[in-house]
PDB file of N, CA and C in Angstrom:
ATOM      1  N   MET A   1       0.868  -1.093  -0.177  1.00  0.00           N
ATOM      2  CA  MET A   1       0.156  -0.012   0.104  1.00  0.00           C
ATOM      3  C   MET A   1       0.828   1.182  -0.297  1.00  0.00           C
ATOM      4  N   ARG A   2       0.570   2.179  -1.094  1.00  0.00           N
ATOM      5  CA  ARG A   2       1.418   3.485  -0.874  1.00  0.00           C
ATOM      6  C   ARG A   2       0.358   4.676  -0.690  1.00  0.00           C
ATOM      7  N   VAL A   3       0.922   5.516   0.480  1.00  0.00           N
ATOM      8  CA  VAL A   3      -0.033   6.342   0.779  1.00  0.00           C
ATOM      9  C   VAL A   3       0.626   8.124   0.372  1.00  0.00           C
ATOM     10  N   PRO A   4       0.141   8.515  -0.806  1.00  0.00           N
ATOM     11  CA  PRO A   4       0.717   9.497  -1.265  1.00  0.00           C
ATOM     12  C   PRO A   4       0.182  10.776  -0.247  1.00  0.00           C
ATOM     13  N   VAL A   5       1.216  11.827   0.003  1.00  0.00           N
ATOM     14  CA  VAL A   5       0.841  12.748   0.907  1.00  0.00           C
ATOM     15  C   VAL A   5       1.822  14.033   0.079  1.00  0.00           C
ATOM     16  N   MET A   6       1.440  15.219   0.539  1.00  0.00           N
ATOM     17  CA  MET A   6       2.069  16.380  -0.089  1.00  0.00           C
ATOM     18  C   MET A   6       3.400  16.295   0.070  1.00  0.00           C
ATOM     19  N   GLN A   7       4.595  16.449   0.856  1.00  0.00           N
ATOM     20  CA  GLN A   7       5.857  16.159   0.892  1.00  0.00           C
ATOM     21  C   GLN A   7       6.496  14.982   0.725  1.00  0.00           C
ATOM     22  N   ALA A   8       5.829  13.777   1.770  1.00  0.00           N
ATOM     23  CA  ALA A   8       6.809  12.550   1.641  1.00  0.00           C
ATOM     24  C   ALA A   8       5.407  11.558   1.560  1.00  0.00           C
ATOM     25  N   HIS A   9       6.068  10.281   1.636  1.00  0.00           N
ATOM     26  CA  HIS A   9       5.190   9.278   1.341  1.00  0.00           C
ATOM     27  C   HIS A   9       5.631   8.230   1.913  1.00  0.00           C
ATOM     28  N   ALA A  10       4.573   7.133   2.346  1.00  0.00           N
ATOM     29  CA  ALA A  10       4.547   5.964   3.095  1.00  0.00           C
ATOM     30  C   ALA A  10       4.107   4.602   2.506  1.00  0.00           C
ATOM     31  N   GLU A  11       4.972   3.441   2.857  1.00  0.00           N
ATOM     32  CA  GLU A  11       4.497   2.368   2.368  1.00  0.00           C
ATOM     33  C   GLU A  11       4.719   1.323   3.191  1.00  0.00           C
ATOM     34  N   SER A  12       3.740   0.222   2.809  1.00  0.00           N
ATOM     35  CA  SER A  12       3.873  -1.002   3.891  1.00  0.00           C
ATOM     36  C   SER A  12       4.222  -1.960   2.781  1.00  0.00           C
ATOM     37  N   VAL A  13       5.525  -2.577   3.575  1.00  0.00           N
ATOM     38  CA  VAL A  13       6.409  -3.344   2.567  1.00  0.00           C
ATOM     39  C   VAL A  13       6.129  -4.670   3.123  1.00  0.00           C
ATOM     40  N   ASN A  14       5.862  -5.602   2.400  1.00  0.00           N
ATOM     41  CA  ASN A  14       5.779  -7.122   2.724  1.00  0.00           C
ATOM     42  C   ASN A  14       6.809  -7.863   2.017  1.00  0.00           C
ATOM     43  N   ARG A  15       7.671  -8.513   2.715  1.00  0.00           N
ATOM     44  CA  ARG A  15       8.956  -9.326   1.913  1.00  0.00           C
ATOM     45  C   ARG A  15       8.991 -10.764   2.370  1.00  0.00           C
ATOM     46  N   GLU A  16       9.505 -11.733   1.550  1.00  0.00           N
ATOM     47  CA  GLU A  16       9.385 -12.973   1.939  1.00  0.00           C
ATOM     48  C   GLU A  16      10.819 -13.341   1.314  1.00  0.00           C
ATOM     49  N   PHE A  17      11.573 -14.016   2.356  1.00  0.00           N
ATOM     50  CA  PHE A  17      13.164 -14.412   2.435  1.00  0.00           C
ATOM     51  C   PHE A  17      13.085 -15.917   2.106  1.00  0.00           C
ATOM     52  N   GLU A  18      14.261 -16.374   1.563  1.00  0.00           N
ATOM     53  CA  GLU A  18      14.377 -17.570   1.448  1.00  0.00           C
ATOM     54  C   GLU A  18      14.759 -18.670   3.033  1.00  0.00           C
ATOM     55  N   ASN A  19      15.748 -17.499   3.695  1.00  0.00           N
ATOM     56  CA  ASN A  19      15.797 -18.120   5.130  1.00  0.00           C
ATOM     57  C   ASN A  19      15.520 -17.263   6.139  1.00  0.00           C
ATOM     58  N   LEU A  20      15.240 -17.775   7.168  1.00  0.00           N
ATOM     59  CA  LEU A  20      14.605 -16.686   8.303  1.00  0.00           C
ATOM     60  C   LEU A  20      15.298 -15.910   8.867  1.00  0.00           C
ATOM     61  N   LEU A  21      14.634 -14.834   8.822  1.00  0.00           N
ATOM     62  CA  LEU A  21      15.405 -13.435   8.964  1.00  0.00           C
ATOM     63  C   LEU A  21      14.264 -13.108  10.282  1.00  0.00           C
ATOM     64  N   ASP A  22      15.171 -12.827  11.624  1.00  0.00           N
ATOM     65  CA  ASP A  22      14.259 -12.438  12.591  1.00  0.00           C
ATOM     66  C   ASP A  22      13.900 -10.705  12.704  1.00  0.00           C
ATOM     67  N   GLU A  23      12.996 -10.176  13.440  1.00  0.00           N
ATOM     68  CA  GLU A  23      13.139  -8.697  13.605  1.00  0.00           C
ATOM     69  C   GLU A  23      14.438  -7.951  13.919  1.00  0.00           C
ATOM     70  N   ASP A  24      14.934  -8.416  14.953  1.00  0.00           N
ATOM     71  CA  ASP A  24      16.163  -7.585  15.444  1.00  0.00           C
ATOM     72  C   ASP A  24      17.190  -7.822  14.597  1.00  0.00           C
ATOM     73  N   THR A  25      17.587  -9.098  13.738  1.00  0.00           N
ATOM     74  CA  THR A  25      18.583  -9.285  12.793  1.00  0.00           C
ATOM     75  C   THR A  25      18.166  -7.721  11.607  1.00  0.00           C
ATOM     76  N   ALA A  26      16.973  -7.968  11.065  1.00  0.00           N
ATOM     77  CA  ALA A  26      16.531  -7.003  10.231  1.00  0.00           C
ATOM     78  C   ALA A  26      16.427  -5.434  10.426  1.00  0.00           C
ATOM     79  N   ARG A  27      16.377  -5.223  11.813  1.00  0.00           N
ATOM     80  CA  ARG A  27      16.525  -4.251  12.537  1.00  0.00           C
ATOM     81  C   ARG A  27      18.127  -3.500  12.562  1.00  0.00           C
ATOM     82  N   ASP A  28      18.888  -4.747  12.709  1.00  0.00           N
ATOM     83  CA  ASP A  28      20.547  -4.283  12.504  1.00  0.00           C
ATOM     84  C   ASP A  28      20.609  -3.901  10.982  1.00  0.00           C
ATOM     85  N   ILE A  29      20.289  -4.741  10.442  1.00  0.00           N
ATOM     86  CA  ILE A  29      20.907  -4.586   8.791  1.00  0.00           C
ATOM     87  C   ILE A  29      20.747  -3.231   8.636  1.00  0.00           C
ATOM     88  N   ARG A  30      19.276  -2.832   8.654  1.00  0.00           N
ATOM     89  CA  ARG A  30      18.904  -1.570   8.184  1.00  0.00           C
ATOM     90  C   ARG A  30      19.517  -0.375   8.854  1.00  0.00           C
ATOM     91  N   LYS A  31      19.750  -0.570  10.242  1.00  0.00           N
ATOM     92  CA  LYS A  31      20.775   0.369  10.913  1.00  0.00           C
ATOM     93  C   LYS A  31      22.034   0.855  10.306  1.00  0.00           C
ATOM     94  N   LYS A  32      22.298  -0.232   9.894  1.00  0.00           N
ATOM     95  CA  LYS A  32      23.817  -0.164   9.028  1.00  0.00           C
ATOM     96  C   LYS A  32      23.850   0.430   7.940  1.00  0.00           C
ATOM     97  N   ALA A  33      22.438   0.422   7.114  1.00  0.00           N
ATOM     98  CA  ALA A  33      22.521   0.696   5.721  1.00  0.00           C
ATOM     99  C   ALA A  33      22.817   2.467   5.593  1.00  0.00           C
ATOM    100  N   PRO A  34      23.585   2.642   4.500  1.00  0.00           N
ATOM    101  CA  PRO A  34      23.546   4.373   4.504  1.00  0.00           C
ATOM    102  C   PRO A  34      22.481   4.941   3.963  1.00  0.00           C
ATOM    103  N   GLY A  35      22.008   6.141   4.504  1.00  0.00           N
ATOM    104  CA  GLY A  35      20.775   6.677   4.325  1.00  0.00           C
ATOM    105  C   GLY A  35      19.379   6.294   4.897  1.00  0.00           C
ATOM    106  N   VAL A  36      19.621   5.319   5.838  1.00  0.00           N
ATOM    107  CA  VAL A  36      18.653   4.799   6.241  1.00  0.00           C
ATOM    108  C   VAL A  36      18.570   5.423   7.634  1.00  0.00           C
ATOM    109  N   VAL A  37      17.379   5.528   8.700  1.00  0.00           N
ATOM    110  CA  VAL A  37      17.410   5.755   9.869  1.00  0.00           C
ATOM    111  C   VAL A  37      16.039   4.531  10.159  1.00  0.00           C
ATOM    112  N   VAL A  38      15.947   4.037  11.444  1.00  0.00           N
ATOM    113  CA  VAL A  38      15.688   3.191  12.053  1.00  0.00           C
ATOM    114  C   VAL A  38      14.730   3.712  13.166  1.00  0.00           C
ATOM    115  N   ILE A  39      13.221   3.833  13.048  1.00  0.00           N
ATOM    116  CA  ILE A  39      12.262   4.502  14.055  1.00  0.00           C
ATOM    117  C   ILE A  39      11.304   3.281  14.281  1.00  0.00           C
ATOM    118  N   ASP A  40      11.755   2.272  15.251  1.00  0.00           N
ATOM    119  CA  ASP A  40      10.590   1.171  15.738  1.00  0.00           C
ATOM    120  C   ASP A  40      10.839   0.801  17.057  1.00  0.00           C
ATOM    121  N   ASP A  41      10.160   1.623  17.727  1.00  0.00           N
ATOM    122  CA  ASP A  41      10.008   1.514  19.222  1.00  0.00           C
ATOM    123  C   ASP A  41       8.780   0.926  19.698  1.00  0.00           C
ATOM    124  N   HIS A  42       8.546  -0.211  19.548  1.00  0.00           N
ATOM    125  CA  HIS A  42       7.182  -0.929  19.771  1.00  0.00           C
ATOM    126  C   HIS A  42       6.773  -0.386  21.322  1.00  0.00           C
ATOM    127  N   THR A  43       7.523  -0.146  22.101  1.00  0.00           N
ATOM    128  CA  THR A  43       6.702  -0.131  23.541  1.00  0.00           C
ATOM    129  C   THR A  43       6.489   1.418  23.565  1.00  0.00           C
ATOM    130  N   ALA A  44       7.440   2.290  23.100  1.00  0.00           N
ATOM    131  CA  ALA A  44       6.834   3.792  23.031  1.00  0.00           C
ATOM    132  C   ALA A  44       5.722   4.117  22.024  1.00  0.00           C
ATOM    133  N   ASN A  45       5.313   3.367  21.084  1.00  0.00           N
ATOM    134  CA  ASN A  45       4.444   3.275  19.910  1.00  0.00           C
ATOM    135  C   ASN A  45       5.233   4.785  18.908  1.00  0.00           C
ATOM    136  N   ASN A  46       6.419   4.337  18.841  1.00  0.00           N
ATOM    137  CA  ASN A  46       7.219   5.458  18.045  1.00  0.00           C
ATOM    138  C   ASN A  46       7.609   4.430  16.790  1.00  0.00           C
ATOM    139  N   PHE A  47       6.993   5.148  15.712  1.00  0.00           N
ATOM    140  CA  PHE A  47       7.374   4.759  14.078  1.00  0.00           C
ATOM    141  C   PHE A  47       7.499   5.762  13.027  1.00  0.00           C
ATOM    142  N   PRO A  48       8.053   5.743  11.940  1.00  0.00           N
ATOM    143  CA  PRO A  48       8.289   6.577  11.030  1.00  0.00           C
ATOM    144  C   PRO A  48       7.189   7.024  10.556  1.00  0.00           C
ATOM    145  N   THR A  49       6.801   8.483  10.153  1.00  0.00           N
ATOM    146  CA  THR A  49       5.881   9.083   9.797  1.00  0.00           C
ATOM    147  C   THR A  49       6.174  10.168   8.731  1.00  0.00           C
ATOM    148  N   PRO A  50       5.292  10.308   7.625  1.00  0.00           N
ATOM    149  CA  PRO A  50       5.793  11.280   6.664  1.00  0.00           C
ATOM    150  C   PRO A  50       6.127  12.585   7.008  1.00  0.00           C
ATOM    151  N   LEU A  51       5.470  12.877   8.220  1.00  0.00           N
ATOM    152  CA  LEU A  51       6.078  14.358   8.977  1.00  0.00           C
ATOM    153  C   LEU A  51       7.437  14.079   9.322  1.00  0.00           C
ATOM    154  N   GLU A  52       7.894  13.254   9.843  1.00  0.00           N
ATOM    155  CA  GLU A  52       9.006  13.060  10.221  1.00  0.00           C
ATOM    156  C   GLU A  52      10.399  13.317   9.414  1.00  0.00           C
ATOM    157  N   VAL A  53       9.907  12.594   7.941  1.00  0.00           N
ATOM    158  CA  VAL A  53      10.930  12.535   7.069  1.00  0.00           C
ATOM    159  C   VAL A  53      10.870  13.692   6.348  1.00  0.00           C
ATOM    160  N   SER A  54      10.079  14.696   6.358  1.00  0.00           N
ATOM    161  CA  SER A  54       9.851  15.586   5.464  1.00  0.00           C
ATOM    162  C   SER A  54      10.991  16.719   5.394  1.00  0.00           C
ATOM    163  N   ASN A  55      11.717  17.067   4.147  1.00  0.00           N
ATOM    164  CA  ASN A  55      12.814  17.762   4.199  1.00  0.00           C
ATOM    165  C   ASN A  55      14.194  17.083   4.636  1.00  0.00           C
ATOM    166  N   LYS A  56      13.957  15.956   4.437  1.00  0.00           N
ATOM    167  CA  LYS A  56      15.344  15.091   4.997  1.00  0.00           C
ATOM    168  C   LYS A  56      15.792  13.877   4.199  1.00  0.00           C
ATOM    169  N   ASP A  57      16.861  13.828   4.004  1.00  0.00           N
ATOM    170  CA  ASP A  57      17.539  13.126   2.908  1.00  0.00           C
ATOM    171  C   ASP A  57      17.246  11.339   3.215  1.00  0.00           C
ATOM    172  N   ASP A  58      17.559  11.093   4.403  1.00  0.00           N
ATOM    173  CA  ASP A  58      17.168   9.821   4.801  1.00  0.00           C
ATOM    174  C   ASP A  58      15.902   8.947   4.722  1.00  0.00           C
ATOM    175  N   VAL A  59      15.826   7.821   4.575  1.00  0.00           N
ATOM    176  CA  VAL A  59      14.603   6.871   4.401  1.00  0.00           C
ATOM    177  C   VAL A  59      14.561   6.346   5.788  1.00  0.00           C
ATOM    178  N   ALA A  60      13.135   6.582   6.539  1.00  0.00           N
ATOM    179  CA  ALA A  60      12.910   6.014   7.950  1.00  0.00           C
ATOM    180  C   ALA A  60      12.080   4.529   7.476  1.00  0.00           C
ATOM    181  N   VAL A  61      12.820   3.468   8.320  1.00  0.00           N
ATOM    182  CA  VAL A  61      12.096   2.479   8.446  1.00  0.00           C
ATOM    183  C   VAL A  61      11.509   1.920   9.843  1.00  0.00           C
ATOM    184  N   GLY A  62      10.629   1.333   9.907  1.00  0.00           N
ATOM    185  CA  GLY A  62       9.845   0.727  11.342  1.00  0.00           C
ATOM    186  C   GLY A  62       8.793  -0.016  11.120  1.00  0.00           C
ATOM    187  N   ARG A  63       8.542  -0.556  12.505  1.00  0.00           N
ATOM    188  CA  ARG A  63       7.154  -1.165  12.328  1.00  0.00           C
ATOM    189  C   ARG A  63       7.556  -2.626  11.686  1.00  0.00           C
ATOM    190  N   ILE A  64       8.893  -2.906  12.074  1.00  0.00           N
ATOM    191  CA  ILE A  64       9.667  -4.257  11.626  1.00  0.00           C
ATOM    192  C   ILE A  64       8.886  -5.290  12.529  1.00  0.00           C
ATOM    193  N   SER A  65       8.026  -6.281  12.029  1.00  0.00           N
ATOM    194  CA  SER A  65       7.561  -7.222  12.403  1.00  0.00           C
ATOM    195  C   SER A  65       7.281  -8.511  11.705  1.00  0.00           C
ATOM    196  N   ARG A  66       7.177  -9.941  12.476  1.00  0.00           N
ATOM    197  CA  ARG A  66       6.770 -10.897  11.586  1.00  0.00           C
ATOM    198  C   ARG A  66       5.780 -11.143  10.961  1.00  0.00           C
ATOM    199  N   ASP A  67       5.636 -11.483   9.557  1.00  0.00           N
ATOM    200  CA  ASP A  67       4.471 -11.507   8.879  1.00  0.00           C
ATOM    201  C   ASP A  67       3.618 -12.728   9.082  1.00  0.00           C
ATOM    202  N   VAL A  68       2.714 -12.893   9.634  1.00  0.00           N
ATOM    203  CA  VAL A  68       2.121 -14.134  10.552  1.00  0.00           C
ATOM    204  C   VAL A  68       1.253 -14.714   9.247  1.00  0.00           C
ATOM    205  N   SER A  69       1.014 -14.115   8.221  1.00  0.00           N
ATOM    206  CA  SER A  69       0.566 -14.849   6.863  1.00  0.00           C
ATOM    207  C   SER A  69       1.154 -15.541   6.058  1.00  0.00           C
ATOM    208  N   GLN A  70       2.443 -15.974   6.246  1.00  0.00           N
ATOM    209  CA  GLN A  70       3.482 -16.667   5.607  1.00  0.00           C
ATOM    210  C   GLN A  70       3.703 -17.642   6.336  1.00  0.00           C
ATOM    211  N   GLU A  71       3.904 -18.968   5.994  1.00  0.00           N
ATOM    212  CA  GLU A  71       4.000 -20.319   6.170  1.00  0.00           C
ATOM    213  C   GLU A  71       5.452 -19.857   6.454  1.00  0.00           C
ATOM    214  N   GLY A  72       5.938 -20.614   7.514  1.00  0.00           N
ATOM    215  CA  GLY A  72       7.479 -21.042   7.916  1.00  0.00           C
ATOM    216  C   GLY A  72       8.294 -19.620   8.490  1.00  0.00           C
ATOM    217  N   ASN A  73       7.401 -18.752   8.842  1.00  0.00           N
ATOM    218  CA  ASN A  73       8.292 -17.310   9.250  1.00  0.00           C
ATOM    219  C   ASN A  73       9.104 -16.953   8.616  1.00  0.00           C
ATOM    220  N   TYR A  74       9.026 -17.005   7.580  1.00  0.00           N
ATOM    221  CA  TYR A  74      10.057 -16.504   6.164  1.00  0.00           C
ATOM    222  C   TYR A  74       9.808 -14.749   5.962  1.00  0.00           C
ATOM    223  N   GLY A  75       8.431 -14.330   6.535  1.00  0.00           N
ATOM    224  CA  GLY A  75       8.182 -12.784   5.887  1.00  0.00           C
ATOM    225  C   GLY A  75       8.158 -11.840   6.987  1.00  0.00           C
ATOM    226  N   LEU A  76       8.656 -10.668   6.598  1.00  0.00           N
ATOM    227  CA  LEU A  76       8.538  -9.536   7.236  1.00  0.00           C
ATOM    228  C   LEU A  76       7.894  -8.351   6.708  1.00  0.00           C
ATOM    229  N   ASP A  77       6.880  -7.392   7.888  1.00  0.00           N
ATOM    230  CA  ASP A  77       6.497  -6.425   7.570  1.00  0.00           C
ATOM    231  C   ASP A  77       7.025  -5.680   7.725  1.00  0.00           C
ATOM    232  N   ILE A  78       7.420  -4.370   7.043  1.00  0.00           N
ATOM    233  CA  ILE A  78       8.125  -2.794   7.489  1.00  0.00           C
ATOM    234  C   ILE A  78       7.485  -2.237   6.693  1.00  0.00           C
ATOM    235  N   PHE A  79       7.272  -0.873   7.511  1.00  0.00           N
ATOM    236  CA  PHE A  79       6.775   0.350   7.192  1.00  0.00           C
ATOM    237  C   PHE A  79       8.233   1.141   6.678  1.00  0.00           C
ATOM    238  N   VAL A  80       8.020   2.082   5.496  1.00  0.00           N
ATOM    239  CA  VAL A  80       8.931   2.850   4.895  1.00  0.00           C
ATOM    240  C   VAL A  80       8.253   4.218   4.922  1.00  0.00           C
ATOM    241  N   CYS A  81       9.284   5.011   5.248  1.00  0.00           N
ATOM    242  CA  CYS A  81       8.966   6.672   4.667  1.00  0.00           C
ATOM    243  C   CYS A  81       9.874   7.538   4.336  1.00  0.00           C
ATOM    244  N   SER A  82       9.800   8.437   3.023  1.00  0.00           N
ATOM    245  CA  SER A  82      10.868   9.157   2.791  1.00  0.00           C
ATOM    246  C   SER A  82      10.015  10.252   1.910  1.00  0.00           C
ATOM    247  N   ASP A  83      11.116  11.393   1.743  1.00  0.00           N
ATOM    248  CA  ASP A  83      10.579  12.511   1.437  1.00  0.00           C
ATOM    249  C   ASP A  83      10.514  12.396  -0.089  1.00  0.00           C
ATOM    250  N   LYS A  84       9.676  13.086  -0.804  1.00  0.00           N
ATOM    251  CA  LYS A  84       9.454  12.839  -2.397  1.00  0.00           C
ATOM    252  C   LYS A  84      10.305  13.472  -2.918  1.00  0.00           C
ATOM    253  N   LYS A  85      10.573  15.109  -2.366  1.00  0.00           N
ATOM    254  CA  LYS A  85      11.469  15.790  -3.393  1.00  0.00           C
ATOM    255  C   LYS A  85      13.199  15.896  -2.816  1.00  0.00           C
ATOM    256  N   CYS A  86      13.327  15.125  -1.624  1.00  0.00           N
ATOM    257  CA  CYS A  86      14.890  15.086  -1.220  1.00  0.00           C
ATOM    258  C   CYS A  86      15.314  14.074  -1.666  1.00  0.00           C
ATOM    259  N   LYS A  87      14.756  12.617  -1.393  1.00  0.00           N
ATOM    260  CA  LYS A  87      15.415  11.379  -1.652  1.00  0.00           C
ATOM    261  C   LYS A  87      15.055  11.076  -2.925  1.00  0.00           C
ATOM    262  N   GLU A  88      13.782  11.143  -3.375  1.00  0.00           N
ATOM    263  CA  GLU A  88      13.349  10.351  -4.375  1.00  0.00           C
ATOM    264  C   GLU A  88      13.439  11.199  -5.726  1.00  0.00           C
ATOM    265  N   ALA A  89      13.339  12.513  -5.664  1.00  0.00           N
ATOM    266  CA  ALA A  89      13.613  13.456  -6.856  1.00  0.00           C
ATOM    267  C   ALA A  89      15.005  13.646  -7.364  1.00  0.00           C
ATOM    268  N   VAL A  90      15.643  14.029  -6.528  1.00  0.00           N
ATOM    269  CA  VAL A  90      16.801  14.744  -6.772  1.00  0.00           C
ATOM    270  C   VAL A  90      18.252  13.592  -5.863  1.00  0.00           C
ATOM    271  N   LEU A  91      17.946  13.260  -4.801  1.00  0.00           N
ATOM    272  CA  LEU A  91      19.107  12.396  -4.345  1.00  0.00           C
ATOM    273  C   LEU A  91      19.496  11.298  -4.763  1.00  0.00           C
ATOM    274  N   ASN A  92      18.477  10.351  -5.206  1.00  0.00           N
ATOM    275  CA  ASN A  92      18.560   9.112  -5.981  1.00  0.00           C
ATOM    276  C   ASN A  92      19.547   9.272  -7.063  1.00  0.00           C
ATOM    277  N   ALA A  93      19.094  10.252  -7.851  1.00  0.00           N
ATOM    278  CA  ALA A  93      19.969  10.586  -9.310  1.00  0.00           C
ATOM    279  C   ALA A  93      21.129  10.823  -8.822  1.00  0.00           C
ATOM    280  N   VAL A  94      21.485  11.894  -8.087  1.00  0.00           N
ATOM    281  CA  VAL A  94      23.071  12.054  -7.659  1.00  0.00           C
ATOM    282  C   VAL A  94      23.614  10.947  -7.203  1.00  0.00           C
ATOM    283  N   GLN A  95      23.109  10.306  -6.391  1.00  0.00           N
ATOM    284  CA  GLN A  95      23.858   9.238  -5.660  1.00  0.00           C
ATOM    285  C   GLN A  95      23.967   7.844  -6.756  1.00  0.00           C
ATOM    286  N   ILE A  96      23.151   7.693  -7.672  1.00  0.00           N
ATOM    287  CA  ILE A  96      23.372   6.605  -8.855  1.00  0.00           C
ATOM    288  C   ILE A  96      24.437   7.477  -9.596  1.00  0.00           C
ATOM    289  N   ALA A  97      24.445   8.343  -9.965  1.00  0.00           N
ATOM    290  CA  ALA A  97      25.517   9.092 -10.586  1.00  0.00           C
ATOM    291  C   ALA A  97      26.746   8.758  -9.852  1.00  0.00           C
ATOM    292  N   GLU A  98      26.825   9.098  -8.701  1.00  0.00           N
ATOM    293  CA  GLU A  98      28.392   9.054  -8.037  1.00  0.00           C
ATOM    294  C   GLU A  98      28.463   7.436  -8.208  1.00  0.00           C
ATOM    295  N   LEU A  99      27.713   6.305  -8.057  1.00  0.00           N
ATOM    296  CA  LEU A  99      28.327   5.128  -8.380  1.00  0.00           C
ATOM    297  C   LEU A  99      28.580   4.654  -9.681  1.00  0.00           C
ATOM    298  N   LEU A 100      28.338   5.505 -10.646  1.00  0.00           N
ATOM    299  CA  LEU A 100      28.495   5.077 -12.140  1.00  0.00           C
ATOM    300  C   LEU A 100      30.100   6.009 -12.577  1.00  0.00           C
ATOM    301  N   LEU A 101      30.274   7.125 -11.690  1.00  0.00           N
ATOM    302  CA  LEU A 101      31.547   7.729 -12.074  1.00  0.00           C
ATOM    303  C   LEU A 101      32.637   7.195 -11.178  1.00  0.00           C
TER     304      LEU A 101
END
């Protein structure tokens, strides 16, 4: 599901993996990824929102949880927010060009 808004947007992403991947490992992997910030505090009910990522270059991920609809515990649900203008329209093109040069 993609939710369009004025400045930033949010997506609920469902991933299925070949091998088991628990929530804590997924969080650790995301925390180490450049350009990604993890906002995932289930106790305090603190998760990414489009408002938090507006005018920021980083992509925020959170609500990392086991997808109970998939057999074998091979799926995760992840909520992702990013600024449309900063990250998607300009920064991605610059980052791709930097990799190619």
